[in-house]
């Protein structure tokens, strides 16, 4: 069987674009006093600097919606709460108006999915008036039950942030979690810098409170939790493995192995969408050609799935035998994990996308495939 790598790469790019276009939209309300660091937090968590370059439109008197074209995230940014009781009430009413309006739609893209309420830890105290406002908001939110996460921003001192967190916990607020964060490294002096922390924990909590339909888009738009991306990417692989096993339920002749290709293309597209990295056709072509080459060398003579497989693209043909359900699953799993490991290297800056199509990059892919094959023997 001949592998048309060009067609496979083209199909992958089309699949990636379709996956991204079909992502649901994540909508988050961000509230808190002026100066708590909302913009810094938003720009630190997400891949696009929405607070700087996003287009804002007013949705209420005290709220604007920030978004960027072709990026499936909207931030609803509220005015500060220190402007008097009338404004505080209007801000709260505006938040509930937007929540209820969205809840009335059958389209999940119109819903508000989460609220971040930001409190500046550096102030060392939370005013009773602010707590009453938050308590009123959580009380009115009991019907719609939009998850509220209290984010303790500018947590330079972990000791102080823990004290504030415990103080808020004692108030029994009806919130999903209270999370201290430092969105950016903070230089105390030339000899000491407090490293940013807590952002990955914020994503972890969001993974717990958001519906399943929004998990892929969360990982696509966030940039602070590699573990979150890996976990979701492996869920994509698991789904693809199940599909491949179904295809192989009736053993597939090696000459018909191409029936697995659409499943594996969809898997690569799904993983790419989760990582949110820029991937072009040249990168995909390099990955596919190197992966197939690695398979040809490593599968020959090796036992996979009860000694059934020799998937060996040699001179455009496949060695005899058949692909069983278990073998189809193993092949798909190995390919998916190799691609995840490649995305991890790019995410961590250990491999540039421009280097993937080089001989060194192709060797890395081949090594990842061999490693995966050895692990699945």
Protein backbone atom coordinates (compact mmCIF):
# COMPACT_ATOMS: atom_id res chain seq x y z
CA UNK A 1 0.00 0.00 0.00
CA UNK A 2 1.28 3.46 -0.87
CA UNK A 3 1.02 6.24 1.68
CA UNK A 4 0.24 9.56 0.00
CA UNK A 5 1.92 11.73 2.60
CA UNK A 6 1.01 14.97 0.81
CA UNK A 7 -2.68 14.11 0.89
CA UNK A 8 -2.46 13.00 4.51
CA UNK A 9 -0.74 16.25 5.51
CA UNK A 10 -3.32 18.31 3.63
CA UNK A 11 -6.13 16.38 5.33
CA UNK A 12 -4.48 16.99 8.72
CA UNK A 13 -4.27 20.75 8.18
CA UNK A 14 -7.89 20.83 7.04
CA UNK A 15 -8.82 18.78 10.11
CA UNK A 16 -6.93 21.12 12.44
CA UNK A 17 -8.66 24.18 10.99
CA UNK A 18 -12.05 22.48 11.25
CA UNK A 19 -11.41 21.40 14.85
CA UNK A 20 -10.51 24.95 15.85
CA UNK A 21 -13.45 26.48 13.99
CA UNK A 22 -15.81 24.03 15.70
CA UNK A 23 -14.60 24.77 19.22
CA UNK A 24 -17.24 26.17 21.52
CA UNK A 25 -16.71 29.69 22.89
CA UNK A 26 -15.65 30.10 26.51
CA UNK A 27 -17.18 33.11 28.32
CA UNK A 28 -15.73 34.39 31.61
CA UNK A 29 -16.79 37.35 33.73
CA UNK A 30 -13.88 39.02 35.52
CA UNK A 31 -14.82 41.34 38.40
CA UNK A 32 -13.09 43.15 41.23
CA UNK A 33 -11.91 46.54 42.35
CA UNK A 34 -9.83 48.78 40.13
CA UNK A 35 -6.12 47.99 40.41
CA UNK A 36 -6.47 44.34 41.48
CA UNK A 37 -4.60 43.21 38.38
CA UNK A 38 -7.41 41.87 36.20
CA UNK A 39 -5.70 42.73 32.91
CA UNK A 40 -2.40 41.25 34.06
CA UNK A 41 -4.18 38.06 35.11
CA UNK A 42 -6.07 37.72 31.82
CA UNK A 43 -2.98 38.26 29.71
CA UNK A 44 -0.93 35.87 31.84
CA UNK A 45 -3.41 32.99 31.54
CA UNK A 46 -4.44 33.13 27.89
CA UNK A 47 -2.50 32.86 24.64
CA UNK A 48 -3.79 36.15 23.27
CA UNK A 49 -3.31 39.42 25.15
CA UNK A 50 -7.02 40.17 25.11
CA UNK A 51 -6.82 42.93 27.72
CA UNK A 52 -4.43 44.83 25.42
CA UNK A 53 -5.42 43.98 21.86
CA UNK A 54 -8.93 42.60 22.22
CA UNK A 55 -11.91 44.46 20.82
CA UNK A 56 -14.21 45.65 23.59
CA UNK A 57 -17.90 46.40 23.25
CA UNK A 58 -20.24 47.56 26.03
CA UNK A 59 -22.82 44.98 27.11
CA UNK A 60 -24.10 46.87 30.17
CA UNK A 61 -23.41 50.30 31.63
CA UNK A 62 -20.58 48.87 33.73
CA UNK A 63 -19.33 45.95 31.66
CA UNK A 64 -17.60 45.40 28.34
CA UNK A 65 -17.04 42.22 26.37
CA UNK A 66 -13.46 41.69 25.18
CA UNK A 67 -12.72 39.27 22.39
CA UNK A 68 -10.48 38.75 19.39
CA UNK A 69 -11.50 37.48 15.97
CA UNK A 70 -11.11 33.71 15.50
CA UNK A 71 -10.16 33.19 19.16
CA UNK A 72 -12.88 31.22 21.02
CA UNK A 73 -12.82 33.21 24.26
CA UNK A 74 -14.75 36.23 25.51
CA UNK A 75 -13.89 38.11 28.68
CA UNK A 76 -16.64 40.20 30.29
CA UNK A 77 -14.75 42.88 32.17
CA UNK A 78 -16.59 44.86 34.86
CA UNK A 79 -15.94 48.32 36.24
CA UNK A 80 -14.28 48.66 39.62
CA UNK A 81 -16.43 48.28 42.71
CA UNK A 82 -15.08 51.17 44.74
CA UNK A 83 -17.31 53.80 43.13
CA UNK A 84 -20.11 53.78 45.71
CA UNK A 85 -23.02 51.56 46.70
CA UNK A 86 -25.19 52.55 43.75
CA UNK A 87 -22.50 51.57 41.26
CA UNK A 88 -21.77 48.37 43.17
CA UNK A 89 -25.43 47.39 42.95
CA UNK A 90 -25.53 48.28 39.25
CA UNK A 91 -22.41 46.19 38.58
CA UNK A 92 -23.95 43.19 40.37
CA UNK A 93 -27.26 43.61 38.58
CA UNK A 94 -25.42 43.89 35.27
CA UNK A 95 -23.53 40.65 35.94
CA UNK A 96 -26.76 38.82 36.74
CA UNK A 97 -28.46 40.31 33.68
CA UNK A 98 -25.73 38.94 31.39
CA UNK A 99 -25.80 35.55 33.16
CA UNK A 100 -29.59 35.21 32.90
CA UNK A 101 -29.66 36.37 29.30
CA UNK A 102 -27.13 33.69 28.37
CA UNK A 103 -28.84 31.00 30.46
CA UNK A 104 -32.00 31.54 28.43
CA UNK A 105 -30.25 30.41 25.25
CA UNK A 106 -29.99 26.79 24.12
CA UNK A 107 -26.58 27.58 22.61
CA UNK A 108 -23.76 26.94 25.08
CA UNK A 109 -21.71 29.63 23.32
CA UNK A 110 -24.11 32.24 24.72
CA UNK A 111 -23.81 31.11 28.34
CA UNK A 112 -21.53 32.60 30.99
CA UNK A 113 -19.39 29.67 32.07
CA UNK A 114 -17.35 31.03 34.95
CA UNK A 115 -16.78 34.13 37.11
CA UNK A 116 -13.41 35.19 38.42
CA UNK A 117 -13.73 37.57 41.35
CA UNK A 118 -10.35 39.18 41.98
CA UNK A 119 -9.15 40.43 45.37
CA UNK A 120 -5.78 42.14 45.81
CA UNK A 121 -3.87 40.19 48.47
CA UNK A 122 -1.33 42.99 48.82
CA UNK A 123 -3.95 45.15 50.56
CA UNK A 124 -3.78 42.62 53.47
CA UNK A 125 -7.52 42.90 54.19
CA UNK A 126 -10.93 42.56 52.59
CA UNK A 127 -13.46 45.24 53.45
CA UNK A 128 -16.82 44.07 54.84
CA UNK A 129 -18.59 46.01 52.10
CA UNK A 130 -16.78 44.00 49.44
CA UNK A 131 -17.61 40.73 51.17
CA UNK A 132 -21.28 41.69 51.42
CA UNK A 133 -21.27 42.43 47.68
CA UNK A 134 -19.77 39.01 46.97
CA UNK A 135 -22.24 37.32 49.30
CA UNK A 136 -25.13 39.06 47.52
CA UNK A 137 -23.78 37.93 44.15
CA UNK A 138 -23.45 34.30 45.24
CA UNK A 139 -26.97 34.42 46.69
CA UNK A 140 -28.47 35.69 43.43
CA UNK A 141 -26.42 33.15 41.48
CA UNK A 142 -27.96 30.15 43.28
CA UNK A 143 -30.41 29.46 40.45
CA UNK A 144 -28.02 29.78 37.48
CA UNK A 145 -25.11 28.33 39.51
CA UNK A 146 -22.34 29.81 37.41
CA UNK A 147 -19.08 28.70 39.09
CA UNK A 148 -17.42 31.56 40.97
CA UNK A 149 -13.68 31.38 41.61
CA UNK A 150 -12.14 33.91 43.98
CA UNK A 151 -8.67 34.80 42.68
CA UNK A 152 -6.32 36.36 45.22
CA UNK A 153 -4.15 38.46 42.92
CA UNK A 154 -0.74 40.00 43.61
CA UNK A 155 0.00 37.29 46.19
CA UNK A 156 3.63 38.30 46.71
CA UNK A 157 3.62 36.72 50.17
CA UNK A 158 2.35 33.15 50.28
CA UNK A 159 1.92 33.47 54.04
CA UNK A 160 -0.35 36.51 53.72
CA UNK A 161 -2.28 34.99 50.84
CA UNK A 162 -2.91 31.84 52.91
CA UNK A 163 -4.13 33.96 55.79
CA UNK A 164 -6.54 35.80 53.50
CA UNK A 165 -7.70 32.54 51.95
CA UNK A 166 -8.44 31.07 55.39
CA UNK A 167 -10.26 34.24 56.40
CA UNK A 168 -12.49 33.99 53.33
CA UNK A 169 -13.05 30.27 53.87
CA UNK A 170 -14.32 31.06 57.34
CA UNK A 171 -16.99 33.27 55.76
CA UNK A 172 -18.46 30.17 54.04
CA UNK A 173 -18.80 31.90 50.69
CA UNK A 174 -20.67 29.90 48.09
CA UNK A 175 -17.72 29.78 45.68
CA UNK A 176 -16.00 26.96 43.81
CA UNK A 177 -12.51 27.73 45.10
CA UNK A 178 -10.23 30.46 46.44
CA UNK A 179 -6.89 30.56 44.65
CA UNK A 180 -3.86 32.74 45.44
CA UNK A 181 -1.91 33.69 42.32
CA UNK A 182 1.04 35.78 41.29
CA UNK A 183 0.52 36.36 37.59
CA UNK A 184 4.04 37.60 36.84
CA UNK A 185 7.47 37.23 38.41
CA UNK A 186 7.94 40.03 40.95
CA UNK A 187 11.38 41.46 41.62
CA UNK A 188 11.88 42.36 45.27
CA UNK A 189 15.40 43.58 44.65
CA UNK A 190 18.36 42.71 42.46
CA UNK A 191 19.03 39.56 44.48
CA UNK A 192 15.53 38.17 44.96
CA UNK A 193 12.54 37.64 42.67
CA UNK A 194 9.26 35.98 43.63
CA UNK A 195 8.34 33.56 40.83
CA UNK A 196 4.85 33.57 39.37
CA UNK A 197 2.61 30.82 40.69
CA UNK A 198 -0.99 29.66 40.99
CA UNK A 199 -2.08 30.07 37.37
CA UNK A 200 -1.90 26.34 36.64
CA UNK A 201 -4.03 25.75 39.74
CA UNK A 202 -6.61 28.18 38.36
CA UNK A 203 -6.80 26.14 35.16
CA UNK A 204 -7.04 22.92 37.17
CA UNK A 205 -10.07 24.26 39.05
CA UNK A 206 -11.67 25.41 35.81
CA UNK A 207 -11.21 21.92 34.40
CA UNK A 208 -13.23 20.66 37.37
CA UNK A 209 -16.11 23.16 37.14
CA UNK A 210 -16.60 23.54 33.39
CA UNK A 211 -18.79 21.16 31.36
CA UNK A 212 -17.06 18.58 29.16
CA UNK A 213 -17.99 20.50 25.99
CA UNK A 214 -15.67 23.33 27.06
CA UNK A 215 -12.57 21.40 28.13
CA UNK A 216 -10.97 21.33 24.68
CA UNK A 217 -11.48 25.07 24.21
CA UNK A 218 -10.11 25.80 27.71
CA UNK A 219 -6.88 23.96 26.88
CA UNK A 220 -6.75 25.60 23.45
CA UNK A 221 -6.88 29.15 24.83
CA UNK A 222 -4.81 28.77 28.01
CA UNK A 223 -1.00 28.86 28.06
CA UNK A 224 -0.07 28.20 31.69
CA UNK A 225 -0.81 24.52 32.32
CA UNK A 226 1.14 22.01 30.27
CA UNK A 227 -0.31 19.18 32.35
CA UNK A 228 -3.82 20.31 31.48
CA UNK A 229 -3.01 20.20 27.78
CA UNK A 230 -1.38 16.76 28.08
CA UNK A 231 -4.32 15.34 30.00
CA UNK A 232 -6.80 16.58 27.42
CA UNK A 233 -4.64 15.51 24.48
CA UNK A 234 -4.45 11.99 25.90
CA UNK A 235 -8.24 11.99 26.16
CA UNK A 236 -8.29 12.72 22.41
CA UNK A 237 -5.93 9.78 21.85
CA UNK A 238 -8.08 7.48 24.01
CA UNK A 239 -11.17 8.34 21.94
CA UNK A 240 -9.24 7.71 18.72
CA UNK A 241 -7.89 4.39 20.01
CA UNK A 242 -11.45 3.27 20.77
CA UNK A 243 -12.47 4.20 17.21
CA UNK A 244 -9.46 2.37 15.75
CA UNK A 245 -10.24 -0.74 17.80
CA UNK A 246 -13.75 -0.66 16.36
CA UNK A 247 -12.38 -0.48 12.83
CA UNK A 248 -10.12 -3.45 13.54
CA UNK A 249 -12.84 -5.56 15.17
CA UNK A 250 -12.90 -7.55 11.95
CA UNK A 251 -9.18 -8.02 11.16
CA UNK A 252 -8.01 -5.65 8.43
CA UNK A 253 -5.63 -6.96 5.73
CA UNK A 254 -2.45 -4.91 5.73
CA UNK A 255 -3.29 -3.90 2.19
CA UNK A 256 -6.40 -2.16 3.57
CA UNK A 257 -4.66 -0.45 6.49
CA UNK A 258 -5.55 2.96 5.07
CA UNK A 259 -8.97 2.68 6.72
CA UNK A 260 -7.22 3.69 9.96
CA UNK A 261 -5.86 6.89 8.46
CA UNK A 262 -8.98 9.11 8.89
CA UNK A 263 -9.11 8.21 12.60
CA UNK A 264 -5.45 9.04 13.06
CA UNK A 265 -5.71 12.28 11.08
CA UNK A 266 -8.61 13.34 13.30
CA UNK A 267 -6.51 12.47 16.34
CA UNK A 268 -3.56 14.61 15.22
CA UNK A 269 -5.94 17.47 14.45
CA UNK A 270 -7.53 17.18 17.89
CA UNK A 271 -4.19 17.15 19.71
CA UNK A 272 -3.02 20.21 17.76
CA UNK A 273 -6.19 22.11 18.63
CA UNK A 274 -5.73 21.31 22.33
CA UNK A 275 -2.14 22.57 22.38
CA UNK A 276 -3.04 25.70 20.41
CA UNK A 277 0.33 25.79 18.64
CA UNK A 278 0.97 27.10 15.14
CA UNK A 279 1.36 24.04 12.92
CA UNK A 280 1.75 24.20 9.16
CA UNK A 281 1.69 21.59 6.41
CA UNK A 282 5.47 21.23 6.38
CA UNK A 283 5.48 20.28 10.07
CA UNK A 284 2.71 17.72 9.59
CA UNK A 285 4.43 16.29 6.50
CA UNK A 286 7.67 15.88 8.46
CA UNK A 287 5.86 14.18 11.33
CA UNK A 288 3.95 11.73 9.12
CA UNK A 289 6.94 10.80 6.96
CA UNK A 290 9.20 10.34 9.99
CA UNK A 291 6.56 8.41 11.92
CA UNK A 292 5.95 6.02 9.05
CA UNK A 293 9.66 5.60 8.57
CA UNK A 294 10.10 4.82 12.25
CA UNK A 295 7.26 2.35 12.05
CA UNK A 296 8.86 0.61 9.11
CA UNK A 297 12.10 0.10 10.96
CA UNK A 298 10.75 -0.66 14.38
CA UNK A 299 7.72 -2.81 13.68
CA UNK A 300 9.64 -5.24 11.47
CA UNK A 301 10.18 -8.49 13.32
CA UNK A 302 8.71 -7.16 16.62
CA UNK A 303 5.79 -8.58 18.55
CA UNK A 304 2.82 -6.28 19.01
CA UNK A 305 -0.63 -7.41 20.07
CA UNK A 306 0.04 -11.12 20.34
CA UNK A 307 2.60 -11.31 17.51
CA UNK A 308 0.12 -10.13 14.88
CA UNK A 309 1.79 -7.08 13.45
CA UNK A 310 4.47 -6.19 11.00
CA UNK A 311 3.35 -2.80 9.76
CA UNK A 312 6.25 -2.16 7.42
CA UNK A 313 6.00 0.44 4.66
CA UNK A 314 8.77 -0.99 2.49
CA UNK A 315 8.96 -0.01 -1.15
CA UNK A 316 5.32 1.04 -1.00
CA UNK A 317 3.95 -2.24 0.29
CA UNK A 318 2.86 -3.80 3.59
CA UNK A 319 4.23 -7.10 4.80
CA UNK A 320 1.67 -9.93 5.04
CA UNK A 321 -0.77 -10.56 7.82
CA UNK A 322 -3.70 -8.62 9.23
CA UNK A 323 -4.36 -5.80 11.63
CA UNK A 324 -6.51 -6.93 14.55
CA UNK A 325 -8.53 -4.67 16.85
CA UNK A 326 -5.78 -4.66 19.48
CA UNK A 327 -3.10 -3.93 16.89
CA UNK A 328 -5.11 -1.05 15.41
CA UNK A 329 -5.40 0.39 18.89
CA UNK A 330 -1.68 0.04 19.60
CA UNK A 331 -0.69 1.71 16.34
CA UNK A 332 -3.03 4.63 16.98
CA UNK A 333 -1.89 4.97 20.60
CA UNK A 334 1.79 5.00 19.65
CA UNK A 335 1.25 7.58 16.93
CA UNK A 336 -0.82 9.81 19.22
CA UNK A 337 1.64 9.70 22.12
CA UNK A 338 4.56 10.46 19.79
CA UNK A 339 2.72 13.51 18.50
CA UNK A 340 1.90 14.64 22.05
CA UNK A 341 5.57 14.37 23.01
CA UNK A 342 6.47 16.43 19.95
CA UNK A 343 3.96 19.12 20.96
CA UNK A 344 5.41 19.11 24.49
CA UNK A 345 8.90 19.81 23.14
CA UNK A 346 7.55 22.72 21.10
CA UNK A 347 5.47 24.06 24.01
CA UNK A 348 8.49 24.03 26.33
CA UNK A 349 10.67 25.75 23.73
CA UNK A 350 12.99 22.77 23.46
CA UNK A 351 12.21 22.38 19.75
CA UNK A 352 11.26 25.11 17.30
CA UNK A 353 8.53 24.35 14.81
CA UNK A 354 10.92 25.54 12.10
CA UNK A 355 13.32 22.73 13.10
CA UNK A 356 10.81 19.88 12.85
CA UNK A 357 11.32 19.52 9.11
CA UNK A 358 15.11 19.27 9.49
CA UNK A 359 17.04 16.02 9.70
CA UNK A 360 17.49 16.55 13.45
CA UNK A 361 13.77 17.16 13.89
CA UNK A 362 12.85 14.07 11.90
CA UNK A 363 15.22 11.99 14.01
CA UNK A 364 13.46 13.22 17.15
CA UNK A 365 10.12 12.06 15.71
CA UNK A 366 11.57 8.68 14.74
CA UNK A 367 12.99 8.26 18.24
CA UNK A 368 9.62 9.14 19.79
CA UNK A 369 7.92 6.50 17.65
CA UNK A 370 10.52 3.86 18.55
CA UNK A 371 10.16 4.69 22.22
CA UNK A 372 6.40 4.38 22.00
CA UNK A 373 6.66 1.06 20.21
CA UNK A 374 9.05 -0.29 22.83
CA UNK A 375 6.71 0.82 25.61
CA UNK A 376 3.74 -0.90 23.97
CA UNK A 377 5.47 -4.18 23.21
